[in-house]
PDB file of all heavy atoms in Angstrom:
ATOM      1  N   ILE A   1      -2.428   0.518 -18.062  1.00  0.00           N
ATOM      2  CA  ILE A   1      -1.146  -0.070 -18.444  1.00  0.00           C
ATOM      3  C   ILE A   1      -1.330  -1.505 -18.926  1.00  0.00           C
ATOM      4  O   ILE A   1      -0.823  -1.907 -19.989  1.00  0.00           O
ATOM      5  CB  ILE A   1      -0.148  -0.001 -17.273  1.00  0.00           C
ATOM      6  CG1 ILE A   1       0.490   1.392 -17.212  1.00  0.00           C
ATOM      7  CG2 ILE A   1       0.940  -1.068 -17.406  1.00  0.00           C
ATOM      8  CD1 ILE A   1       1.449   1.584 -16.064  1.00  0.00           C
ATOM      9  N   PHE A   2      -2.050  -2.295 -18.164  1.00  0.00           N
ATOM     10  CA  PHE A   2      -2.224  -3.691 -18.555  1.00  0.00           C
ATOM     11  C   PHE A   2      -3.157  -3.824 -19.759  1.00  0.00           C
ATOM     12  O   PHE A   2      -3.036  -4.768 -20.546  1.00  0.00           O
ATOM     13  CB  PHE A   2      -2.724  -4.510 -17.368  1.00  0.00           C
ATOM     14  CG  PHE A   2      -1.704  -4.624 -16.268  1.00  0.00           C
ATOM     15  CD1 PHE A   2      -2.014  -4.318 -14.954  1.00  0.00           C
ATOM     16  CD2 PHE A   2      -0.408  -5.016 -16.552  1.00  0.00           C
ATOM     17  CE1 PHE A   2      -1.072  -4.418 -13.951  1.00  0.00           C
ATOM     18  CE2 PHE A   2       0.558  -5.118 -15.559  1.00  0.00           C
ATOM     19  CZ  PHE A   2       0.222  -4.817 -14.247  1.00  0.00           C
ATOM     20  N   LYS A   3      -4.077  -2.882 -19.926  1.00  0.00           N
ATOM     21  CA  LYS A   3      -4.897  -2.882 -21.134  1.00  0.00           C
ATOM     22  C   LYS A   3      -4.028  -2.636 -22.364  1.00  0.00           C
ATOM     23  O   LYS A   3      -4.179  -3.299 -23.395  1.00  0.00           O
ATOM     24  CB  LYS A   3      -5.982  -1.814 -21.045  1.00  0.00           C
ATOM     25  CG  LYS A   3      -6.888  -1.745 -22.287  1.00  0.00           C
ATOM     26  CD  LYS A   3      -7.912  -0.654 -22.158  1.00  0.00           C
ATOM     27  CE  LYS A   3      -8.856  -0.633 -23.373  1.00  0.00           C
ATOM     28  NZ  LYS A   3      -8.118  -0.416 -24.641  1.00  0.00           N
ATOM     29  N   ALA A   4      -3.104  -1.663 -22.256  1.00  0.00           N
ATOM     30  CA  ALA A   4      -2.192  -1.398 -23.369  1.00  0.00           C
ATOM     31  C   ALA A   4      -1.327  -2.616 -23.661  1.00  0.00           C
ATOM     32  O   ALA A   4      -1.064  -2.945 -24.827  1.00  0.00           O
ATOM     33  CB  ALA A   4      -1.315  -0.187 -23.048  1.00  0.00           C
ATOM     34  N   ALA A   5      -0.894  -3.307 -22.601  1.00  0.00           N
ATOM     35  CA  ALA A   5      -0.072  -4.506 -22.795  1.00  0.00           C
ATOM     36  C   ALA A   5      -0.868  -5.618 -23.475  1.00  0.00           C
ATOM     37  O   ALA A   5      -0.358  -6.305 -24.372  1.00  0.00           O
ATOM     38  CB  ALA A   5       0.472  -4.976 -21.450  1.00  0.00           C
ATOM     39  N   LEU A   6      -2.103  -5.802 -23.066  1.00  0.00           N
ATOM     40  CA  LEU A   6      -2.931  -6.833 -23.691  1.00  0.00           C
ATOM     41  C   LEU A   6      -3.242  -6.501 -25.141  1.00  0.00           C
ATOM     42  O   LEU A   6      -3.263  -7.396 -26.000  1.00  0.00           O
ATOM     43  CB  LEU A   6      -4.230  -7.004 -22.895  1.00  0.00           C
ATOM     44  CG  LEU A   6      -4.081  -7.633 -21.505  1.00  0.00           C
ATOM     45  CD1 LEU A   6      -5.395  -7.600 -20.753  1.00  0.00           C
ATOM     46  CD2 LEU A   6      -3.561  -9.065 -21.612  1.00  0.00           C
ATOM     47  N   ASP A   7      -3.475  -5.222 -25.422  1.00  0.00           N
ATOM     48  CA  ASP A   7      -3.709  -4.813 -26.811  1.00  0.00           C
ATOM     49  C   ASP A   7      -2.493  -5.096 -27.685  1.00  0.00           C
ATOM     50  O   ASP A   7      -2.637  -5.340 -28.891  1.00  0.00           O
ATOM     51  CB  ASP A   7      -4.055  -3.323 -26.876  1.00  0.00           C
ATOM     52  CG  ASP A   7      -5.435  -3.021 -26.307  1.00  0.00           C
ATOM     53  OD1 ASP A   7      -6.223  -3.971 -26.126  1.00  0.00           O
ATOM     54  OD2 ASP A   7      -5.719  -1.840 -26.026  1.00  0.00           O
ATOM     55  N   ALA A   8      -1.297  -5.045 -27.072  1.00  0.00           N
ATOM     56  CA  ALA A   8      -0.065  -5.330 -27.804  1.00  0.00           C
ATOM     57  C   ALA A   8       0.313  -6.807 -27.725  1.00  0.00           C
ATOM     58  O   ALA A   8       1.439  -7.177 -28.100  1.00  0.00           O
ATOM     59  CB  ALA A   8       1.074  -4.470 -27.259  1.00  0.00           C
ATOM     60  N   HIS A   9      -0.611  -7.633 -27.206  1.00  0.00           N
ATOM     61  CA  HIS A   9      -0.413  -9.093 -27.102  1.00  0.00           C
ATOM     62  C   HIS A   9       0.725  -9.452 -26.153  1.00  0.00           C
ATOM     63  O   HIS A   9       1.382 -10.482 -26.326  1.00  0.00           O
ATOM     64  CB  HIS A   9      -0.160  -9.707 -28.487  1.00  0.00           C
ATOM     65  CG  HIS A   9      -1.213  -9.357 -29.493  1.00  0.00           C
ATOM     66  ND1 HIS A   9      -2.519  -9.814 -29.420  1.00  0.00           N
ATOM     67  CD2 HIS A   9      -1.170  -8.553 -30.596  1.00  0.00           C
ATOM     68  CE1 HIS A   9      -3.224  -9.336 -30.425  1.00  0.00           C
ATOM     69  NE2 HIS A   9      -2.439  -8.555 -31.156  1.00  0.00           N
ATOM     70  N   LEU A  10       0.937  -8.647 -25.121  1.00  0.00           N
ATOM     71  CA  LEU A  10       1.937  -8.946 -24.096  1.00  0.00           C
ATOM     72  C   LEU A  10       1.231  -9.642 -22.937  1.00  0.00           C
ATOM     73  O   LEU A  10       1.197  -9.149 -21.805  1.00  0.00           O
ATOM     74  CB  LEU A  10       2.629  -7.662 -23.637  1.00  0.00           C
ATOM     75  CG  LEU A  10       3.317  -6.836 -24.720  1.00  0.00           C
ATOM     76  CD1 LEU A  10       3.859  -5.531 -24.138  1.00  0.00           C
ATOM     77  CD2 LEU A  10       4.453  -7.634 -25.367  1.00  0.00           C
ATOM     78  N   ILE A  11       0.684 -10.802 -23.222  1.00  0.00           N
ATOM     79  CA  ILE A  11      -0.172 -11.483 -22.243  1.00  0.00           C
ATOM     80  C   ILE A  11       0.634 -11.983 -21.049  1.00  0.00           C
ATOM     81  O   ILE A  11       0.248 -11.775 -19.890  1.00  0.00           O
ATOM     82  CB  ILE A  11      -0.922 -12.646 -22.924  1.00  0.00           C
ATOM     83  CG1 ILE A  11      -1.824 -12.096 -24.036  1.00  0.00           C
ATOM     84  CG2 ILE A  11      -1.743 -13.426 -21.901  1.00  0.00           C
ATOM     85  CD1 ILE A  11      -2.492 -13.171 -24.867  1.00  0.00           C
ATOM     86  N   ALA A  12       1.760 -12.632 -21.299  1.00  0.00           N
ATOM     87  CA  ALA A  12       2.570 -13.164 -20.198  1.00  0.00           C
ATOM     88  C   ALA A  12       3.072 -12.043 -19.298  1.00  0.00           C
ATOM     89  O   ALA A  12       3.068 -12.170 -18.060  1.00  0.00           O
ATOM     90  CB  ALA A  12       3.744 -13.961 -20.760  1.00  0.00           C
ATOM     91  N   LEU A  13       3.489 -10.927 -19.893  1.00  0.00           N
ATOM     92  CA  LEU A  13       3.978  -9.802 -19.098  1.00  0.00           C
ATOM     93  C   LEU A  13       2.850  -9.199 -18.254  1.00  0.00           C
ATOM     94  O   LEU A  13       3.072  -8.811 -17.105  1.00  0.00           O
ATOM     95  CB  LEU A  13       4.567  -8.735 -20.033  1.00  0.00           C
ATOM     96  CG  LEU A  13       5.291  -7.565 -19.365  1.00  0.00           C
ATOM     97  CD1 LEU A  13       6.465  -8.054 -18.527  1.00  0.00           C
ATOM     98  CD2 LEU A  13       5.775  -6.570 -20.412  1.00  0.00           C
ATOM     99  N   SER A  14       1.655  -9.151 -18.808  1.00  0.00           N
ATOM    100  CA  SER A  14       0.507  -8.633 -18.052  1.00  0.00           C
ATOM    101  C   SER A  14       0.191  -9.531 -16.858  1.00  0.00           C
ATOM    102  O   SER A  14      -0.076  -9.038 -15.751  1.00  0.00           O
ATOM    103  CB  SER A  14      -0.715  -8.531 -18.963  1.00  0.00           C
ATOM    104  OG  SER A  14      -0.475  -7.658 -20.044  1.00  0.00           O
ATOM    105  N   ILE A  15       0.233 -10.832 -17.072  1.00  0.00           N
ATOM    106  CA  ILE A  15      -0.054 -11.767 -15.973  1.00  0.00           C
ATOM    107  C   ILE A  15       0.987 -11.621 -14.872  1.00  0.00           C
ATOM    108  O   ILE A  15       0.642 -11.558 -13.669  1.00  0.00           O
ATOM    109  CB  ILE A  15      -0.086 -13.211 -16.499  1.00  0.00           C
ATOM    110  CG1 ILE A  15      -1.291 -13.399 -17.434  1.00  0.00           C
ATOM    111  CG2 ILE A  15      -0.146 -14.209 -15.345  1.00  0.00           C
ATOM    112  CD1 ILE A  15      -1.315 -14.740 -18.143  1.00  0.00           C
ATOM    113  N   MET A  16       2.251 -11.536 -15.235  1.00  0.00           N
ATOM    114  CA  MET A  16       3.305 -11.379 -14.234  1.00  0.00           C
ATOM    115  C   MET A  16       3.170 -10.042 -13.510  1.00  0.00           C
ATOM    116  O   MET A  16       3.431  -9.942 -12.308  1.00  0.00           O
ATOM    117  CB  MET A  16       4.670 -11.492 -14.901  1.00  0.00           C
ATOM    118  CG  MET A  16       4.993 -12.874 -15.437  1.00  0.00           C
ATOM    119  SD  MET A  16       4.917 -14.153 -14.148  1.00  0.00           S
ATOM    120  CE  MET A  16       6.185 -13.575 -13.021  1.00  0.00           C
ATOM    121  N   GLY A  17       2.768  -9.010 -14.239  1.00  0.00           N
ATOM    122  CA  GLY A  17       2.564  -7.714 -13.595  1.00  0.00           C
ATOM    123  C   GLY A  17       1.462  -7.763 -12.553  1.00  0.00           C
ATOM    124  O   GLY A  17       1.591  -7.196 -11.464  1.00  0.00           O
ATOM    125  N   LEU A  18       0.366  -8.463 -12.869  1.00  0.00           N
ATOM    126  CA  LEU A  18      -0.729  -8.593 -11.911  1.00  0.00           C
ATOM    127  C   LEU A  18      -0.308  -9.411 -10.698  1.00  0.00           C
ATOM    128  O   LEU A  18      -0.686  -9.096  -9.559  1.00  0.00           O
ATOM    129  CB  LEU A  18      -1.934  -9.236 -12.594  1.00  0.00           C
ATOM    130  CG  LEU A  18      -2.642  -8.370 -13.649  1.00  0.00           C
ATOM    131  CD1 LEU A  18      -3.661  -9.189 -14.429  1.00  0.00           C
ATOM    132  CD2 LEU A  18      -3.312  -7.168 -12.997  1.00  0.00           C
ATOM    133  N   LEU A  19       0.485 -10.446 -10.915  1.00  0.00           N
ATOM    134  CA  LEU A  19       0.945 -11.268  -9.797  1.00  0.00           C
ATOM    135  C   LEU A  19       1.885 -10.487  -8.878  1.00  0.00           C
ATOM    136  O   LEU A  19       1.790 -10.594  -7.645  1.00  0.00           O
ATOM    137  CB  LEU A  19       1.642 -12.530 -10.324  1.00  0.00           C
ATOM    138  CG  LEU A  19       0.745 -13.549 -11.030  1.00  0.00           C
ATOM    139  CD1 LEU A  19       1.567 -14.699 -11.596  1.00  0.00           C
ATOM    140  CD2 LEU A  19      -0.318 -14.082 -10.067  1.00  0.00           C
ATOM    141  N   THR A  20       2.775  -9.714  -9.464  1.00  0.00           N
ATOM    142  CA  THR A  20       3.677  -8.914  -8.623  1.00  0.00           C
ATOM    143  C   THR A  20       2.917  -7.803  -7.896  1.00  0.00           C
ATOM    144  O   THR A  20       3.308  -7.401  -6.797  1.00  0.00           O
ATOM    145  CB  THR A  20       4.802  -8.305  -9.468  1.00  0.00           C
ATOM    146  OG1 THR A  20       4.247  -7.522 -10.540  1.00  0.00           O
ATOM    147  CG2 THR A  20       5.707  -9.386 -10.041  1.00  0.00           C
ATOM    148  N   SER A  21       1.830  -7.321  -8.481  1.00  0.00           N
ATOM    149  CA  SER A  21       0.992  -6.349  -7.776  1.00  0.00           C
ATOM    150  C   SER A  21       0.374  -6.967  -6.530  1.00  0.00           C
ATOM    151  O   SER A  21       0.208  -6.289  -5.505  1.00  0.00           O
ATOM    152  CB  SER A  21      -0.115  -5.834  -8.702  1.00  0.00           C
ATOM    153  OG  SER A  21       0.416  -5.084  -9.777  1.00  0.00           O
ATOM    154  N   ALA A  22       0.044  -8.251  -6.612  1.00  0.00           N
ATOM    155  CA  ALA A  22      -0.481  -8.945  -5.436  1.00  0.00           C
ATOM    156  C   ALA A  22       0.582  -9.048  -4.352  1.00  0.00           C
ATOM    157  O   ALA A  22       0.293  -8.915  -3.155  1.00  0.00           O
ATOM    158  CB  ALA A  22      -0.978 -10.336  -5.833  1.00  0.00           C
ATOM    159  N   VAL A  23       1.828  -9.259  -4.756  1.00  0.00           N
ATOM    160  CA  VAL A  23       2.928  -9.285  -3.784  1.00  0.00           C
ATOM    161  C   VAL A  23       3.069  -7.924  -3.118  1.00  0.00           C
ATOM    162  O   VAL A  23       3.266  -7.817  -1.897  1.00  0.00           O
ATOM    163  CB  VAL A  23       4.245  -9.684  -4.484  1.00  0.00           C
ATOM    164  CG1 VAL A  23       5.424  -9.556  -3.523  1.00  0.00           C
ATOM    165  CG2 VAL A  23       4.155 -11.099  -5.029  1.00  0.00           C
ATOM    166  N   ALA A  24       2.934  -6.862  -3.909  1.00  0.00           N
ATOM    167  CA  ALA A  24       3.067  -5.509  -3.370  1.00  0.00           C
ATOM    168  C   ALA A  24       2.000  -5.221  -2.323  1.00  0.00           C
ATOM    169  O   ALA A  24       2.239  -4.474  -1.360  1.00  0.00           O
ATOM    170  CB  ALA A  24       2.984  -4.481  -4.500  1.00  0.00           C
ATOM    171  N   ALA A  25       0.816  -5.792  -2.501  1.00  0.00           N
ATOM    172  CA  ALA A  25      -0.263  -5.556  -1.537  1.00  0.00           C
ATOM    173  C   ALA A  25       0.153  -5.975  -0.135  1.00  0.00           C
ATOM    174  O   ALA A  25      -0.261  -5.348   0.857  1.00  0.00           O
ATOM    175  CB  ALA A  25      -1.512  -6.314  -1.961  1.00  0.00           C
ATOM    176  N   TYR A  26       1.004  -6.992  -0.017  1.00  0.00           N
ATOM    177  CA  TYR A  26       1.410  -7.470   1.309  1.00  0.00           C
ATOM    178  C   TYR A  26       2.192  -6.406   2.064  1.00  0.00           C
ATOM    179  O   TYR A  26       1.880  -6.094   3.216  1.00  0.00           O
ATOM    180  CB  TYR A  26       2.253  -8.746   1.176  1.00  0.00           C
ATOM    181  CG  TYR A  26       2.838  -9.200   2.498  1.00  0.00           C
ATOM    182  CD1 TYR A  26       2.068  -9.941   3.384  1.00  0.00           C
ATOM    183  CD2 TYR A  26       4.145  -8.866   2.852  1.00  0.00           C
ATOM    184  CE1 TYR A  26       2.587 -10.344   4.608  1.00  0.00           C
ATOM    185  CE2 TYR A  26       4.666  -9.260   4.072  1.00  0.00           C
ATOM    186  CZ  TYR A  26       3.890  -9.990   4.940  1.00  0.00           C
ATOM    187  OH  TYR A  26       4.401 -10.379   6.151  1.00  0.00           O
ATOM    188  N   TYR A  27       3.225  -5.841   1.426  1.00  0.00           N
ATOM    189  CA  TYR A  27       4.042  -4.907   2.210  1.00  0.00           C
ATOM    190  C   TYR A  27       3.372  -3.543   2.374  1.00  0.00           C
ATOM    191  O   TYR A  27       3.665  -2.832   3.349  1.00  0.00           O
ATOM    192  CB  TYR A  27       5.467  -4.774   1.643  1.00  0.00           C
ATOM    193  CG  TYR A  27       5.603  -4.303   0.222  1.00  0.00           C
ATOM    194  CD1 TYR A  27       5.533  -2.957  -0.104  1.00  0.00           C
ATOM    195  CD2 TYR A  27       5.880  -5.196  -0.810  1.00  0.00           C
ATOM    196  CE1 TYR A  27       5.700  -2.513  -1.409  1.00  0.00           C
ATOM    197  CE2 TYR A  27       6.047  -4.770  -2.112  1.00  0.00           C
ATOM    198  CZ  TYR A  27       5.969  -3.433  -2.404  1.00  0.00           C
ATOM    199  OH  TYR A  27       6.143  -2.990  -3.696  1.00  0.00           O
ATOM    200  N   TYR A  28       2.483  -3.154   1.485  1.00  0.00           N
ATOM    201  CA  TYR A  28       1.734  -1.913   1.710  1.00  0.00           C
ATOM    202  C   TYR A  28       0.728  -2.093   2.841  1.00  0.00           C
ATOM    203  O   TYR A  28       0.608  -1.230   3.732  1.00  0.00           O
ATOM    204  CB  TYR A  28       1.009  -1.489   0.434  1.00  0.00           C
ATOM    205  CG  TYR A  28       1.909  -0.976  -0.661  1.00  0.00           C
ATOM    206  CD1 TYR A  28       1.797  -1.471  -1.961  1.00  0.00           C
ATOM    207  CD2 TYR A  28       2.867   0.006  -0.413  1.00  0.00           C
ATOM    208  CE1 TYR A  28       2.615  -1.001  -2.988  1.00  0.00           C
ATOM    209  CE2 TYR A  28       3.685   0.479  -1.429  1.00  0.00           C
ATOM    210  CZ  TYR A  28       3.552  -0.024  -2.709  1.00  0.00           C
ATOM    211  OH  TYR A  28       4.358   0.440  -3.706  1.00  0.00           O
ATOM    212  N   LEU A  29      -0.009  -3.212   2.827  1.00  0.00           N
ATOM    213  CA  LEU A  29      -0.988  -3.455   3.880  1.00  0.00           C
ATOM    214  C   LEU A  29      -0.319  -3.705   5.228  1.00  0.00           C
ATOM    215  O   LEU A  29      -0.922  -3.483   6.281  1.00  0.00           O
ATOM    216  CB  LEU A  29      -1.875  -4.642   3.509  1.00  0.00           C
ATOM    217  CG  LEU A  29      -2.830  -4.392   2.336  1.00  0.00           C
ATOM    218  CD1 LEU A  29      -3.604  -5.663   1.995  1.00  0.00           C
ATOM    219  CD2 LEU A  29      -3.804  -3.261   2.659  1.00  0.00           C
ATOM    220  N   ARG A  30       0.917  -4.137   5.187  1.00  0.00           N
ATOM    221  CA  ARG A  30       1.674  -4.308   6.432  1.00  0.00           C
ATOM    222  C   ARG A  30       1.792  -2.974   7.174  1.00  0.00           C
ATOM    223  O   ARG A  30       1.675  -2.915   8.410  1.00  0.00           O
ATOM    224  CB  ARG A  30       3.063  -4.860   6.100  1.00  0.00           C
ATOM    225  CG  ARG A  30       4.000  -5.017   7.283  1.00  0.00           C
ATOM    226  CD  ARG A  30       5.366  -5.432   6.795  1.00  0.00           C
ATOM    227  NE  ARG A  30       6.359  -5.430   7.861  1.00  0.00           N
ATOM    228  CZ  ARG A  30       7.665  -5.463   7.636  1.00  0.00           C
ATOM    229  NH1 ARG A  30       8.125  -5.510   6.386  1.00  0.00           N
ATOM    230  NH2 ARG A  30       8.519  -5.448   8.641  1.00  0.00           N
ATOM    231  N   LEU A  31       1.984  -1.886   6.429  1.00  0.00           N
ATOM    232  CA  LEU A  31       2.059  -0.568   7.052  1.00  0.00           C
ATOM    233  C   LEU A  31       0.712  -0.184   7.659  1.00  0.00           C
ATOM    234  O   LEU A  31       0.649   0.406   8.744  1.00  0.00           O
ATOM    235  CB  LEU A  31       2.484   0.479   6.025  1.00  0.00           C
ATOM    236  CG  LEU A  31       3.837   0.281   5.336  1.00  0.00           C
ATOM    237  CD1 LEU A  31       4.126   1.428   4.381  1.00  0.00           C
ATOM    238  CD2 LEU A  31       4.957   0.158   6.354  1.00  0.00           C
ATOM    239  N   VAL A  32      -0.375  -0.514   6.968  1.00  0.00           N
ATOM    240  CA  VAL A  32      -1.706  -0.212   7.491  1.00  0.00           C
ATOM    241  C   VAL A  32      -1.957  -0.986   8.776  1.00  0.00           C
ATOM    242  O   VAL A  32      -2.498  -0.451   9.757  1.00  0.00           O
ATOM    243  CB  VAL A  32      -2.777  -0.534   6.434  1.00  0.00           C
ATOM    244  CG1 VAL A  32      -4.174  -0.273   6.993  1.00  0.00           C
ATOM    245  CG2 VAL A  32      -2.553   0.285   5.174  1.00  0.00           C
ATOM    246  N   VAL A  33      -1.558  -2.250   8.804  1.00  0.00           N
ATOM    247  CA  VAL A  33      -1.721  -3.075  10.001  1.00  0.00           C
ATOM    248  C   VAL A  33      -0.955  -2.482  11.177  1.00  0.00           C
ATOM    249  O   VAL A  33      -1.475  -2.396  12.303  1.00  0.00           O
ATOM    250  CB  VAL A  33      -1.256  -4.520   9.723  1.00  0.00           C
ATOM    251  CG1 VAL A  33      -1.181  -5.320  11.024  1.00  0.00           C
ATOM    252  CG2 VAL A  33      -2.205  -5.203   8.748  1.00  0.00           C
ATOM    253  N   VAL A  34       0.266  -2.050  10.937  1.00  0.00           N
ATOM    254  CA  VAL A  34       1.084  -1.465  12.003  1.00  0.00           C
ATOM    255  C   VAL A  34       0.433  -0.192  12.533  1.00  0.00           C
ATOM    256  O   VAL A  34       0.385   0.046  13.748  1.00  0.00           O
ATOM    257  CB  VAL A  34       2.509  -1.177  11.490  1.00  0.00           C
ATOM    258  CG1 VAL A  34       3.295  -0.346  12.508  1.00  0.00           C
ATOM    259  CG2 VAL A  34       3.241  -2.479  11.200  1.00  0.00           C
ATOM    260  N   MET A  35      -0.110   0.640  11.640  1.00  0.00           N
ATOM    261  CA  MET A  35      -0.711   1.907  12.071  1.00  0.00           C
ATOM    262  C   MET A  35      -1.941   1.692  12.940  1.00  0.00           C
ATOM    263  O   MET A  35      -2.160   2.416  13.915  1.00  0.00           O
ATOM    264  CB  MET A  35      -1.097   2.739  10.841  1.00  0.00           C
ATOM    265  CG  MET A  35       0.048   3.402  10.134  1.00  0.00           C
ATOM    266  SD  MET A  35      -0.537   4.642   8.968  1.00  0.00           S
ATOM    267  CE  MET A  35      -1.440   3.635   7.799  1.00  0.00           C
ATOM    268  N   TYR A  36      -2.766   0.699  12.589  1.00  0.00           N
ATOM    269  CA  TYR A  36      -4.064   0.559  13.247  1.00  0.00           C
ATOM    270  C   TYR A  36      -4.144  -0.588  14.254  1.00  0.00           C
ATOM    271  O   TYR A  36      -5.033  -0.588  15.114  1.00  0.00           O
ATOM    272  CB  TYR A  36      -5.160   0.360  12.196  1.00  0.00           C
ATOM    273  CG  TYR A  36      -5.469   1.605  11.413  1.00  0.00           C
ATOM    274  CD1 TYR A  36      -4.981   1.780  10.118  1.00  0.00           C
ATOM    275  CD2 TYR A  36      -6.243   2.625  11.949  1.00  0.00           C
ATOM    276  CE1 TYR A  36      -5.262   2.930   9.385  1.00  0.00           C
ATOM    277  CE2 TYR A  36      -6.529   3.778  11.233  1.00  0.00           C
ATOM    278  CZ  TYR A  36      -6.028   3.921   9.949  1.00  0.00           C
ATOM    279  OH  TYR A  36      -6.310   5.065   9.240  1.00  0.00           O
ATOM    280  N   MET A  37      -3.259  -1.560  14.166  1.00  0.00           N
ATOM    281  CA  MET A  37      -3.407  -2.760  14.987  1.00  0.00           C
ATOM    282  C   MET A  37      -2.254  -2.993  15.942  1.00  0.00           C
ATOM    283  O   MET A  37      -2.234  -4.020  16.635  1.00  0.00           O
ATOM    284  CB  MET A  37      -3.586  -3.994  14.081  1.00  0.00           C
ATOM    285  CG  MET A  37      -4.811  -3.921  13.206  1.00  0.00           C
ATOM    286  SD  MET A  37      -5.068  -5.400  12.226  1.00  0.00           S
ATOM    287  CE  MET A  37      -6.508  -4.931  11.266  1.00  0.00           C
ATOM    288  N   GLN A  38      -1.295  -2.095  15.969  1.00  0.00           N
ATOM    289  CA  GLN A  38      -0.210  -2.203  16.939  1.00  0.00           C
ATOM    290  C   GLN A  38      -0.174  -0.948  17.800  1.00  0.00           C
ATOM    291  O   GLN A  38      -0.311   0.159  17.273  1.00  0.00           O
ATOM    292  CB  GLN A  38       1.135  -2.394  16.232  1.00  0.00           C
ATOM    293  CG  GLN A  38       1.291  -3.734  15.534  1.00  0.00           C
ATOM    294  CD  GLN A  38       2.683  -3.941  14.973  1.00  0.00           C
ATOM    295  OE1 GLN A  38       3.604  -3.174  15.257  1.00  0.00           O
ATOM    296  NE2 GLN A  38       2.842  -4.996  14.175  1.00  0.00           N
ATOM    297  N   PRO A  39      -0.006  -1.102  19.098  1.00  0.00           N
ATOM    298  CA  PRO A  39       0.021   0.074  19.969  1.00  0.00           C
ATOM    299  C   PRO A  39       1.314   0.864  19.788  1.00  0.00           C
ATOM    300  O   PRO A  39       2.352   0.313  19.398  1.00  0.00           O
ATOM    301  CB  PRO A  39      -0.063  -0.527  21.372  1.00  0.00           C
ATOM    302  CG  PRO A  39       0.534  -1.896  21.213  1.00  0.00           C
ATOM    303  CD  PRO A  39       0.146  -2.368  19.840  1.00  0.00           C
ATOM    304  N   ALA A  40       1.240   2.135  20.056  1.00  0.00           N
ATOM    305  CA  ALA A  40       2.428   2.980  19.967  1.00  0.00           C
ATOM    306  C   ALA A  40       3.423   2.596  21.053  1.00  0.00           C
ATOM    307  O   ALA A  40       3.024   2.193  22.150  1.00  0.00           O
ATOM    308  CB  ALA A  40       2.032   4.445  20.109  1.00  0.00           C
ATOM    309  N   PRO A  41       4.731   2.686  20.775  1.00  0.00           N
ATOM    310  CA  PRO A  41       5.731   2.385  21.808  1.00  0.00           C
ATOM    311  C   PRO A  41       5.555   3.281  23.033  1.00  0.00           C
ATOM    312  O   PRO A  41       5.096   4.421  22.932  1.00  0.00           O
ATOM    313  CB  PRO A  41       7.064   2.665  21.097  1.00  0.00           C
ATOM    314  CG  PRO A  41       6.747   2.585  19.640  1.00  0.00           C
ATOM    315  CD  PRO A  41       5.339   3.041  19.491  1.00  0.00           C
ATOM    316  N   VAL A  42       5.937   2.769  24.190  1.00  0.00           N
ATOM    317  CA  VAL A  42       5.789   3.529  25.431  1.00  0.00           C
ATOM    318  C   VAL A  42       6.604   4.812  25.386  1.00  0.00           C
ATOM    319  O   VAL A  42       6.191   5.853  25.899  1.00  0.00           O
ATOM    320  CB  VAL A  42       6.224   2.653  26.629  1.00  0.00           C
ATOM    321  CG1 VAL A  42       6.125   3.442  27.932  1.00  0.00           C
ATOM    322  CG2 VAL A  42       5.384   1.391  26.706  1.00  0.00           C
TER     323      VAL A  42
END
């Protein structure tokens, strides 16, 4: 997707897309942390 955007000279949109993907990593990894690093409720 970002390769197609860069080929079409959508550089700013590609950069913003990559930055928002980094934001997404936080809430997805939050689920992984809860599964493996928090004990199950009593």
